[in-house]
All heavy atoms as atom14 arrays in JSON, in Angstrom:
{
  "sequence": "VSAAALAALAAEKLAAGEELPAPRPLYLRRPDAQVPKNYKVVTPK",
  "atom14_mask": [
    [1, 1, 1, 1, 1, 1, 1, 0, 0, 0, 0, 0, 0, 0],
    [1, 1, 1, 1, 1, 1, 0, 0, 0, 0, 0, 0, 0, 0],
    [1, 1, 1, 1, 1, 0, 0, 0, 0, 0, 0, 0, 0, 0],
    [1, 1, 1, 1, 1, 0, 0, 0, 0, 0, 0, 0, 0, 0],
    [1, 1, 1, 1, 1, 0, 0, 0, 0, 0, 0, 0, 0, 0],
    [1, 1, 1, 1, 1, 1, 1, 1, 0, 0, 0, 0, 0, 0],
    [1, 1, 1, 1, 1, 0, 0, 0, 0, 0, 0, 0, 0, 0],
    [1, 1, 1, 1, 1, 0, 0, 0, 0, 0, 0, 0, 0, 0],
    [1, 1, 1, 1, 1, 1, 1, 1, 0, 0, 0, 0, 0, 0],
    [1, 1, 1, 1, 1, 0, 0, 0, 0, 0, 0, 0, 0, 0],
    [1, 1, 1, 1, 1, 0, 0, 0, 0, 0, 0, 0, 0, 0],
    [1, 1, 1, 1, 1, 1, 1, 1, 1, 0, 0, 0, 0, 0],
    [1, 1, 1, 1, 1, 1, 1, 1, 1, 0, 0, 0, 0, 0],
    [1, 1, 1, 1, 1, 1, 1, 1, 0, 0, 0, 0, 0, 0],
    [1, 1, 1, 1, 1, 0, 0, 0, 0, 0, 0, 0, 0, 0],
    [1, 1, 1, 1, 1, 0, 0, 0, 0, 0, 0, 0, 0, 0],
    [1, 1, 1, 1, 0, 0, 0, 0, 0, 0, 0, 0, 0, 0],
    [1, 1, 1, 1, 1, 1, 1, 1, 1, 0, 0, 0, 0, 0],
    [1, 1, 1, 1, 1, 1, 1, 1, 1, 0, 0, 0, 0, 0],
    [1, 1, 1, 1, 1, 1, 1, 1, 0, 0, 0, 0, 0, 0],
    [1, 1, 1, 1, 1, 1, 1, 0, 0, 0, 0, 0, 0, 0],
    [1, 1, 1, 1, 1, 0, 0, 0, 0, 0, 0, 0, 0, 0],
    [1, 1, 1, 1, 1, 1, 1, 0, 0, 0, 0, 0, 0, 0],
    [1, 1, 1, 1, 1, 1, 1, 1, 1, 1, 1, 0, 0, 0],
    [1, 1, 1, 1, 1, 1, 1, 0, 0, 0, 0, 0, 0, 0],
    [1, 1, 1, 1, 1, 1, 1, 1, 0, 0, 0, 0, 0, 0],
    [1, 1, 1, 1, 1, 1, 1, 1, 1, 1, 1, 1, 0, 0],
    [1, 1, 1, 1, 1, 1, 1, 1, 0, 0, 0, 0, 0, 0],
    [1, 1, 1, 1, 1, 1, 1, 1, 1, 1, 1, 0, 0, 0],
    [1, 1, 1, 1, 1, 1, 1, 1, 1, 1, 1, 0, 0, 0],
    [1, 1, 1, 1, 1, 1, 1, 0, 0, 0, 0, 0, 0, 0],
    [1, 1, 1, 1, 1, 1, 1, 1, 0, 0, 0, 0, 0, 0],
    [1, 1, 1, 1, 1, 0, 0, 0, 0, 0, 0, 0, 0, 0],
    [1, 1, 1, 1, 1, 1, 1, 1, 1, 0, 0, 0, 0, 0],
    [1, 1, 1, 1, 1, 1, 1, 0, 0, 0, 0, 0, 0, 0],
    [1, 1, 1, 1, 1, 1, 1, 0, 0, 0, 0, 0, 0, 0],
    [1, 1, 1, 1, 1, 1, 1, 1, 1, 0, 0, 0, 0, 0],
    [1, 1, 1, 1, 1, 1, 1, 1, 0, 0, 0, 0, 0, 0],
    [1, 1, 1, 1, 1, 1, 1, 1, 1, 1, 1, 1, 0, 0],
    [1, 1, 1, 1, 1, 1, 1, 1, 1, 0, 0, 0, 0, 0],
    [1, 1, 1, 1, 1, 1, 1, 0, 0, 0, 0, 0, 0, 0],
    [1, 1, 1, 1, 1, 1, 1, 0, 0, 0, 0, 0, 0, 0],
    [1, 1, 1, 1, 1, 1, 1, 0, 0, 0, 0, 0, 0, 0],
    [1, 1, 1, 1, 1, 1, 1, 0, 0, 0, 0, 0, 0, 0],
    [1, 1, 1, 1, 1, 1, 1, 1, 1, 0, 0, 0, 0, 0]
  ],
  "atom14_positions": [
    [[-15.63, -13.61, -6.48], [-15.2, -13.77, -5.12], [-16.33, -14.02, -4.2], [-17.43, -13.66, -4.45], [-14.39, -12.51, -4.75], [-15.42, -11.33, -4.52], [-13.6, -12.77, -3.45], [0.0, 0.0, 0.0], [0.0, 0.0, 0.0], [0.0, 0.0, 0.0], [0.0, 0.0, 0.0], [0.0, 0.0, 0.0], [0.0, 0.0, 0.0], [0.0, 0.0, 0.0]],
    [[-16.05, -14.74, -3.12], [-17.01, -14.94, -2.02], [-16.51, -14.38, -0.78], [-15.31, -14.47, -0.46], [-17.3, -16.49, -1.85], [-16.23, -17.08, -1.24], [0.0, 0.0, 0.0], [0.0, 0.0, 0.0], [0.0, 0.0, 0.0], [0.0, 0.0, 0.0], [0.0, 0.0, 0.0], [0.0, 0.0, 0.0], [0.0, 0.0, 0.0], [0.0, 0.0, 0.0]],
    [[-17.3, -13.73, -0.02], [-16.97, -13.15, 1.21], [-16.47, -14.27, 2.3], [-15.73, -14.07, 3.15], [-18.08, -12.38, 1.9], [0.0, 0.0, 0.0], [0.0, 0.0, 0.0], [0.0, 0.0, 0.0], [0.0, 0.0, 0.0], [0.0, 0.0, 0.0], [0.0, 0.0, 0.0], [0.0, 0.0, 0.0], [0.0, 0.0, 0.0], [0.0, 0.0, 0.0]],
    [[-17.08, -15.49, 2.04], [-16.69, -16.58, 2.9], [-15.16, -16.91, 2.68], [-14.44, -17.07, 3.72], [-17.44, -17.82, 2.53], [0.0, 0.0, 0.0], [0.0, 0.0, 0.0], [0.0, 0.0, 0.0], [0.0, 0.0, 0.0], [0.0, 0.0, 0.0], [0.0, 0.0, 0.0], [0.0, 0.0, 0.0], [0.0, 0.0, 0.0], [0.0, 0.0, 0.0]],
    [[-14.65, -16.83, 1.49], [-13.2, -16.96, 1.24], [-12.36, -15.88, 1.84], [-11.37, -16.09, 2.46], [-12.94, -17.2, -0.24], [0.0, 0.0, 0.0], [0.0, 0.0, 0.0], [0.0, 0.0, 0.0], [0.0, 0.0, 0.0], [0.0, 0.0, 0.0], [0.0, 0.0, 0.0], [0.0, 0.0, 0.0], [0.0, 0.0, 0.0], [0.0, 0.0, 0.0]],
    [[-12.92, -14.65, 1.63], [-12.15, -13.46, 2.21], [-12.08, -13.57, 3.75], [-11.06, -13.35, 4.29], [-12.88, -12.18, 1.86], [-12.63, -11.59, 0.43], [-13.58, -10.46, 0.21], [-11.19, -11.26, 0.15], [0.0, 0.0, 0.0], [0.0, 0.0, 0.0], [0.0, 0.0, 0.0], [0.0, 0.0, 0.0], [0.0, 0.0, 0.0], [0.0, 0.0, 0.0]],
    [[-13.24, -13.94, 4.36], [-13.21, -14.05, 5.81], [-12.31, -15.18, 6.33], [-11.56, -14.95, 7.3], [-14.72, -14.34, 6.29], [0.0, 0.0, 0.0], [0.0, 0.0, 0.0], [0.0, 0.0, 0.0], [0.0, 0.0, 0.0], [0.0, 0.0, 0.0], [0.0, 0.0, 0.0], [0.0, 0.0, 0.0], [0.0, 0.0, 0.0], [0.0, 0.0, 0.0]],
    [[-12.29, -16.28, 5.62], [-11.41, -17.4, 6.06], [-9.98, -17.02, 5.89], [-9.06, -17.3, 6.71], [-11.69, -18.65, 5.24], [0.0, 0.0, 0.0], [0.0, 0.0, 0.0], [0.0, 0.0, 0.0], [0.0, 0.0, 0.0], [0.0, 0.0, 0.0], [0.0, 0.0, 0.0], [0.0, 0.0, 0.0], [0.0, 0.0, 0.0], [0.0, 0.0, 0.0]],
    [[-9.59, -16.31, 4.83], [-8.27, -15.94, 4.54], [-7.86, -14.88, 5.58], [-6.67, -14.95, 6.13], [-8.11, -15.31, 3.13], [-6.75, -14.87, 2.72], [-5.68, -15.93, 2.85], [-6.82, -14.27, 1.31], [0.0, 0.0, 0.0], [0.0, 0.0, 0.0], [0.0, 0.0, 0.0], [0.0, 0.0, 0.0], [0.0, 0.0, 0.0], [0.0, 0.0, 0.0]],
    [[-8.73, -13.93, 5.87], [-8.44, -12.89, 6.81], [-8.2, -13.54, 8.24], [-7.28, -13.15, 8.94], [-9.48, -11.83, 6.86], [0.0, 0.0, 0.0], [0.0, 0.0, 0.0], [0.0, 0.0, 0.0], [0.0, 0.0, 0.0], [0.0, 0.0, 0.0], [0.0, 0.0, 0.0], [0.0, 0.0, 0.0], [0.0, 0.0, 0.0], [0.0, 0.0, 0.0]],
    [[-9.08, -14.44, 8.56], [-8.99, -15.1, 9.91], [-7.67, -15.83, 10.08], [-6.97, -15.79, 11.05], [-10.1, -16.02, 10.19], [0.0, 0.0, 0.0], [0.0, 0.0, 0.0], [0.0, 0.0, 0.0], [0.0, 0.0, 0.0], [0.0, 0.0, 0.0], [0.0, 0.0, 0.0], [0.0, 0.0, 0.0], [0.0, 0.0, 0.0], [0.0, 0.0, 0.0]],
    [[-7.23, -16.47, 8.96], [-6.02, -17.22, 8.97], [-4.77, -16.3, 9.1], [-3.85, -16.54, 9.89], [-5.89, -17.95, 7.62], [-4.69, -18.85, 7.49], [-4.64, -19.6, 6.16], [-5.57, -20.44, 5.99], [-3.78, -19.43, 5.33], [0.0, 0.0, 0.0], [0.0, 0.0, 0.0], [0.0, 0.0, 0.0], [0.0, 0.0, 0.0], [0.0, 0.0, 0.0]],
    [[-4.78, -15.16, 8.36], [-3.74, -14.25, 8.43], [-3.63, -13.53, 9.8], [-2.53, -13.3, 10.36], [-3.89, -13.17, 7.3], [-3.54, -13.76, 5.94], [-3.8, -12.63, 4.94], [-3.35, -13.13, 3.46], [-1.83, -13.23, 3.44], [0.0, 0.0, 0.0], [0.0, 0.0, 0.0], [0.0, 0.0, 0.0], [0.0, 0.0, 0.0], [0.0, 0.0, 0.0]],
    [[-4.86, -13.17, 10.29], [-4.79, -12.51, 11.6], [-4.33, -13.45, 12.69], [-3.61, -12.98, 13.66], [-6.27, -11.98, 11.88], [-6.71, -10.77, 11.07], [-8.2, -10.53, 11.31], [-5.9, -9.57, 11.43], [0.0, 0.0, 0.0], [0.0, 0.0, 0.0], [0.0, 0.0, 0.0], [0.0, 0.0, 0.0], [0.0, 0.0, 0.0], [0.0, 0.0, 0.0]],
    [[-4.71, -14.71, 12.64], [-4.29, -15.72, 13.69], [-2.82, -15.86, 13.62], [-2.13, -16.14, 14.6], [-5.09, -16.98, 13.43], [0.0, 0.0, 0.0], [0.0, 0.0, 0.0], [0.0, 0.0, 0.0], [0.0, 0.0, 0.0], [0.0, 0.0, 0.0], [0.0, 0.0, 0.0], [0.0, 0.0, 0.0], [0.0, 0.0, 0.0], [0.0, 0.0, 0.0]],
    [[-2.19, -15.71, 12.43], [-0.75, -15.89, 12.26], [0.04, -14.57, 12.55], [1.18, -14.5, 12.45], [-0.47, -16.25, 10.81], [0.0, 0.0, 0.0], [0.0, 0.0, 0.0], [0.0, 0.0, 0.0], [0.0, 0.0, 0.0], [0.0, 0.0, 0.0], [0.0, 0.0, 0.0], [0.0, 0.0, 0.0], [0.0, 0.0, 0.0], [0.0, 0.0, 0.0]],
    [[-0.7, -13.47, 12.96], [-0.13, -12.26, 13.3], [0.26, -11.41, 12.13], [1.05, -10.36, 12.28], [0.0, 0.0, 0.0], [0.0, 0.0, 0.0], [0.0, 0.0, 0.0], [0.0, 0.0, 0.0], [0.0, 0.0, 0.0], [0.0, 0.0, 0.0], [0.0, 0.0, 0.0], [0.0, 0.0, 0.0], [0.0, 0.0, 0.0], [0.0, 0.0, 0.0]],
    [[-0.28, -11.67, 10.98], [-0.03, -10.92, 9.84], [-0.78, -9.5, 9.83], [-1.96, -9.51, 10.36], [-0.39, -11.68, 8.51], [0.57, -12.88, 8.28], [0.25, -13.51, 6.99], [0.05, -12.77, 5.98], [0.26, -14.72, 6.94], [0.0, 0.0, 0.0], [0.0, 0.0, 0.0], [0.0, 0.0, 0.0], [0.0, 0.0, 0.0], [0.0, 0.0, 0.0]],
    [[-0.21, -8.49, 9.23], [-0.95, -7.25, 9.16], [-1.64, -7.22, 7.78], [-1.06, -7.46, 6.69], [0.06, -6.08, 9.26], [-0.62, -4.71, 9.28], [0.38, -3.65, 9.46], [1.52, -3.88, 9.86], [0.03, -2.44, 9.27], [0.0, 0.0, 0.0], [0.0, 0.0, 0.0], [0.0, 0.0, 0.0], [0.0, 0.0, 0.0], [0.0, 0.0, 0.0]],
    [[-2.95, -6.9, 7.81], [-3.69, -6.87, 6.56], [-3.7, -5.47, 6.0], [-3.45, -4.47, 6.71], [-5.15, -7.28, 6.89], [-5.36, -8.69, 7.4], [-6.86, -8.95, 7.59], [-4.67, -9.74, 6.53], [0.0, 0.0, 0.0], [0.0, 0.0, 0.0], [0.0, 0.0, 0.0], [0.0, 0.0, 0.0], [0.0, 0.0, 0.0], [0.0, 0.0, 0.0]],
    [[-3.92, -5.32, 4.73], [-3.85, -4.06, 4.12], [-4.98, -3.09, 4.61], [-6.0, -3.56, 5.17], [-4.19, -4.39, 2.56], [-3.79, -5.84, 2.39], [-4.12, -6.43, 3.75], [0.0, 0.0, 0.0], [0.0, 0.0, 0.0], [0.0, 0.0, 0.0], [0.0, 0.0, 0.0], [0.0, 0.0, 0.0], [0.0, 0.0, 0.0], [0.0, 0.0, 0.0]],
    [[-4.67, -1.8, 4.45], [-5.72, -0.81, 4.85], [-6.91, -1.01, 3.84], [-6.69, -1.34, 2.78], [-5.08, 0.59, 4.82], [0.0, 0.0, 0.0], [0.0, 0.0, 0.0], [0.0, 0.0, 0.0], [0.0, 0.0, 0.0], [0.0, 0.0, 0.0], [0.0, 0.0, 0.0], [0.0, 0.0, 0.0], [0.0, 0.0, 0.0], [0.0, 0.0, 0.0]],
    [[-8.12, -0.46, 4.32], [-9.27, -0.66, 3.47], [-9.39, 0.55, 2.47], [-10.17, 1.36, 2.59], [-10.43, -0.62, 4.53], [-9.82, 0.23, 5.63], [-8.41, -0.12, 5.77], [0.0, 0.0, 0.0], [0.0, 0.0, 0.0], [0.0, 0.0, 0.0], [0.0, 0.0, 0.0], [0.0, 0.0, 0.0], [0.0, 0.0, 0.0], [0.0, 0.0, 0.0]],
    [[-8.38, 0.52, 1.6], [-8.4, 1.6, 0.57], [-8.57, 1.0, -0.8], [-7.92, -0.12, -1.11], [-7.03, 2.41, 0.65], [-6.77, 3.03, 1.99], [-7.84, 4.2, 2.16], [-7.71, 4.83, 3.44], [-8.48, 4.52, 4.46], [-9.38, 3.58, 4.45], [-8.28, 5.09, 5.68], [0.0, 0.0, 0.0], [0.0, 0.0, 0.0], [0.0, 0.0, 0.0]],
    [[-9.2, 1.58, -1.74], [-9.56, 0.93, -2.91], [-8.45, 0.76, -3.97], [-7.57, 1.67, -4.07], [-10.7, 1.87, -3.5], [-10.31, 3.2, -2.97], [-9.8, 2.92, -1.52], [0.0, 0.0, 0.0], [0.0, 0.0, 0.0], [0.0, 0.0, 0.0], [0.0, 0.0, 0.0], [0.0, 0.0, 0.0], [0.0, 0.0, 0.0], [0.0, 0.0, 0.0]],
    [[-8.42, -0.32, -4.6], [-7.53, -0.56, -5.83], [-8.35, -0.32, -6.96], [-8.98, -1.18, -7.55], [-7.03, -1.99, -5.79], [-5.96, -2.34, -4.67], [-5.71, -3.87, -4.71], [-4.65, -1.57, -4.99], [0.0, 0.0, 0.0], [0.0, 0.0, 0.0], [0.0, 0.0, 0.0], [0.0, 0.0, 0.0], [0.0, 0.0, 0.0], [0.0, 0.0, 0.0]],
    [[-8.41, 0.92, -7.52], [-9.15, 1.22, -8.71], [-8.37, 0.87, -9.98], [-8.86, 0.4, -10.96], [-9.54, 2.69, -8.78], [-10.56, 3.05, -7.75], [-10.4, 4.17, -6.93], [-11.77, 2.35, -7.61], [-11.36, 4.6, -5.95], [-12.74, 2.8, -6.75], [-12.51, 3.82, -5.85], [-13.45, 4.25, -4.89], [0.0, 0.0, 0.0], [0.0, 0.0, 0.0]],
    [[-7.08, 1.09, -9.99], [-6.16, 0.86, -11.08], [-6.35, 1.74, -12.37], [-5.53, 1.86, -13.22], [-6.16, -0.6, -11.49], [-5.78, -1.61, -10.37], [-5.6, -2.99, -11.07], [-4.49, -1.24, -9.78], [0.0, 0.0, 0.0], [0.0, 0.0, 0.0], [0.0, 0.0, 0.0], [0.0, 0.0, 0.0], [0.0, 0.0, 0.0], [0.0, 0.0, 0.0]],
    [[-7.45, 2.41, -12.42], [-7.7, 3.39, -13.54], [-8.8, 4.47, -13.05], [-9.45, 4.18, -12.06], [-8.13, 2.6, -14.82], [-9.5, 2.0, -14.7], [-9.76, 1.19, -15.96], [-11.11, 0.56, -15.92], [-11.43, -0.49, -16.68], [-10.56, -1.09, -17.46], [-12.7, -0.98, -16.56], [0.0, 0.0, 0.0], [0.0, 0.0, 0.0], [0.0, 0.0, 0.0]],
    [[-8.87, 5.51, -13.8], [-9.82, 6.48, -13.42], [-11.24, 6.12, -13.64], [-11.51, 5.31, -14.55], [-9.46, 7.77, -14.23], [-8.07, 8.36, -14.07], [-7.84, 9.61, -14.84], [-8.67, 10.61, -14.41], [-8.4, 11.47, -13.41], [-7.26, 11.28, -12.72], [-9.16, 12.42, -13.02], [0.0, 0.0, 0.0], [0.0, 0.0, 0.0], [0.0, 0.0, 0.0]],
    [[-12.17, 6.68, -12.85], [-13.62, 6.36, -13.05], [-14.15, 6.76, -14.43], [-13.57, 7.64, -15.02], [-14.3, 7.02, -11.91], [-13.34, 8.13, -11.57], [-11.96, 7.63, -11.77], [0.0, 0.0, 0.0], [0.0, 0.0, 0.0], [0.0, 0.0, 0.0], [0.0, 0.0, 0.0], [0.0, 0.0, 0.0], [0.0, 0.0, 0.0], [0.0, 0.0, 0.0]],
    [[-15.14, 6.11, -14.85], [-15.79, 6.5, -16.18], [-16.3, 7.94, -16.15], [-16.21, 8.65, -17.11], [-16.98, 5.53, -16.49], [-16.37, 4.13, -16.86], [-15.23, 4.05, -17.27], [-17.15, 3.17, -16.57], [0.0, 0.0, 0.0], [0.0, 0.0, 0.0], [0.0, 0.0, 0.0], [0.0, 0.0, 0.0], [0.0, 0.0, 0.0], [0.0, 0.0, 0.0]],
    [[-16.91, 8.35, -15.05], [-17.47, 9.67, -14.93], [-16.34, 10.67, -14.84], [-15.37, 10.5, -13.95], [-18.34, 9.79, -13.68], [0.0, 0.0, 0.0], [0.0, 0.0, 0.0], [0.0, 0.0, 0.0], [0.0, 0.0, 0.0], [0.0, 0.0, 0.0], [0.0, 0.0, 0.0], [0.0, 0.0, 0.0], [0.0, 0.0, 0.0], [0.0, 0.0, 0.0]],
    [[-16.35, 11.71, -15.58], [-15.34, 12.69, -15.63], [-16.03, 14.16, -15.52], [-17.11, 14.31, -16.0], [-14.49, 12.65, -16.87], [-13.76, 11.32, -17.18], [-12.68, 11.16, -16.15], [-12.04, 12.13, -15.74], [-12.33, 9.95, -15.83], [0.0, 0.0, 0.0], [0.0, 0.0, 0.0], [0.0, 0.0, 0.0], [0.0, 0.0, 0.0], [0.0, 0.0, 0.0]],
    [[-15.26, 15.04, -14.92], [-15.72, 16.46, -14.84], [-15.65, 17.02, -16.19], [-14.56, 16.94, -16.84], [-14.93, 17.3, -13.79], [-15.34, 18.68, -13.8], [-15.0, 16.65, -12.42], [0.0, 0.0, 0.0], [0.0, 0.0, 0.0], [0.0, 0.0, 0.0], [0.0, 0.0, 0.0], [0.0, 0.0, 0.0], [0.0, 0.0, 0.0], [0.0, 0.0, 0.0]],
    [[-16.74, 17.62, -16.69], [-16.71, 18.2, -18.04], [-15.73, 19.24, -18.16], [-15.53, 20.1, -17.2], [-18.19, 18.67, -18.25], [-19.02, 17.89, -17.3], [-18.11, 17.7, -16.08], [0.0, 0.0, 0.0], [0.0, 0.0, 0.0], [0.0, 0.0, 0.0], [0.0, 0.0, 0.0], [0.0, 0.0, 0.0], [0.0, 0.0, 0.0], [0.0, 0.0, 0.0]],
    [[-15.11, 19.41, -19.36], [-14.19, 20.47, -19.53], [-14.97, 21.68, -20.26], [-16.02, 21.43, -20.85], [-13.03, 19.94, -20.44], [-12.12, 18.93, -19.74], [-11.09, 18.56, -20.79], [-10.19, 17.47, -20.07], [-9.14, 16.98, -21.03], [0.0, 0.0, 0.0], [0.0, 0.0, 0.0], [0.0, 0.0, 0.0], [0.0, 0.0, 0.0], [0.0, 0.0, 0.0]],
    [[-14.44, 22.81, -20.15], [-14.99, 23.99, -20.85], [-16.43, 24.25, -20.51], [-17.31, 24.16, -21.4], [-14.74, 23.86, -22.36], [-13.25, 23.7, -22.77], [-12.45, 24.35, -22.21], [-13.07, 22.83, -23.75], [0.0, 0.0, 0.0], [0.0, 0.0, 0.0], [0.0, 0.0, 0.0], [0.0, 0.0, 0.0], [0.0, 0.0, 0.0], [0.0, 0.0, 0.0]],
    [[-16.64, 24.5, -19.22], [-18.0, 24.73, -18.74], [-18.66, 25.87, -19.59], [-17.99, 26.92, -19.89], [-18.01, 25.12, -17.31], [-17.93, 24.03, -16.33], [-16.65, 23.8, -15.67], [-18.95, 23.14, -16.07], [-16.55, 22.71, -14.73], [-18.79, 22.08, -15.2], [-17.63, 21.92, -14.51], [-17.52, 20.9, -13.62], [0.0, 0.0, 0.0], [0.0, 0.0, 0.0]],
    [[-19.85, 25.71, -19.94], [-20.56, 26.82, -20.54], [-21.06, 27.82, -19.47], [-21.76, 27.42, -18.52], [-21.79, 26.28, -21.37], [-22.62, 27.35, -22.09], [-23.76, 26.76, -22.85], [-24.55, 27.79, -23.58], [-25.66, 27.18, -24.29], [0.0, 0.0, 0.0], [0.0, 0.0, 0.0], [0.0, 0.0, 0.0], [0.0, 0.0, 0.0], [0.0, 0.0, 0.0]],
    [[-20.82, 29.02, -19.66], [-21.17, 30.07, -18.64], [-22.69, 30.29, -18.83], [-23.12, 30.7, -19.93], [-20.36, 31.36, -18.92], [-20.83, 32.44, -17.95], [-18.86, 31.1, -18.79], [0.0, 0.0, 0.0], [0.0, 0.0, 0.0], [0.0, 0.0, 0.0], [0.0, 0.0, 0.0], [0.0, 0.0, 0.0], [0.0, 0.0, 0.0], [0.0, 0.0, 0.0]],
    [[-23.43, 30.17, -17.76], [-24.81, 30.43, -17.77], [-25.3, 31.5, -16.81], [-26.44, 31.86, -16.78], [-25.63, 29.1, -17.46], [-25.36, 28.07, -18.5], [-25.29, 28.59, -16.06], [0.0, 0.0, 0.0], [0.0, 0.0, 0.0], [0.0, 0.0, 0.0], [0.0, 0.0, 0.0], [0.0, 0.0, 0.0], [0.0, 0.0, 0.0], [0.0, 0.0, 0.0]],
    [[-24.35, 32.06, -16.05], [-24.67, 33.12, -15.19], [-24.56, 34.43, -15.84], [-23.77, 34.61, -16.77], [-23.77, 33.19, -14.02], [-22.45, 33.16, -14.49], [-23.93, 31.84, -13.14], [0.0, 0.0, 0.0], [0.0, 0.0, 0.0], [0.0, 0.0, 0.0], [0.0, 0.0, 0.0], [0.0, 0.0, 0.0], [0.0, 0.0, 0.0], [0.0, 0.0, 0.0]],
    [[-25.42, 35.42, -15.52], [-25.35, 36.72, -16.15], [-24.04, 37.44, -15.87], [-23.47, 37.36, -14.76], [-26.54, 37.46, -15.63], [-26.81, 36.79, -14.24], [-26.46, 35.39, -14.45], [0.0, 0.0, 0.0], [0.0, 0.0, 0.0], [0.0, 0.0, 0.0], [0.0, 0.0, 0.0], [0.0, 0.0, 0.0], [0.0, 0.0, 0.0], [0.0, 0.0, 0.0]],
    [[-23.52, 38.24, -16.8], [-22.33, 38.97, -16.53], [-22.63, 40.21, -15.84], [-23.68, 40.8, -15.91], [-21.73, 39.33, -17.99], [-21.29, 38.12, -18.72], [-20.56, 38.55, -20.01], [-20.15, 37.29, -20.81], [-19.56, 37.73, -22.12], [0.0, 0.0, 0.0], [0.0, 0.0, 0.0], [0.0, 0.0, 0.0], [0.0, 0.0, 0.0], [0.0, 0.0, 0.0]]
  ]
}
């Protein structure tokens, strides 16, 4: 993608009175980084 194309498309839509989507991410799947399960306890009892 080029930002030039995004800018031109946005300008066209705004000039036509169209509402653009909110700036919220389309991830479509979970991130690669995950919180580890079954933490090892390292603090003294």
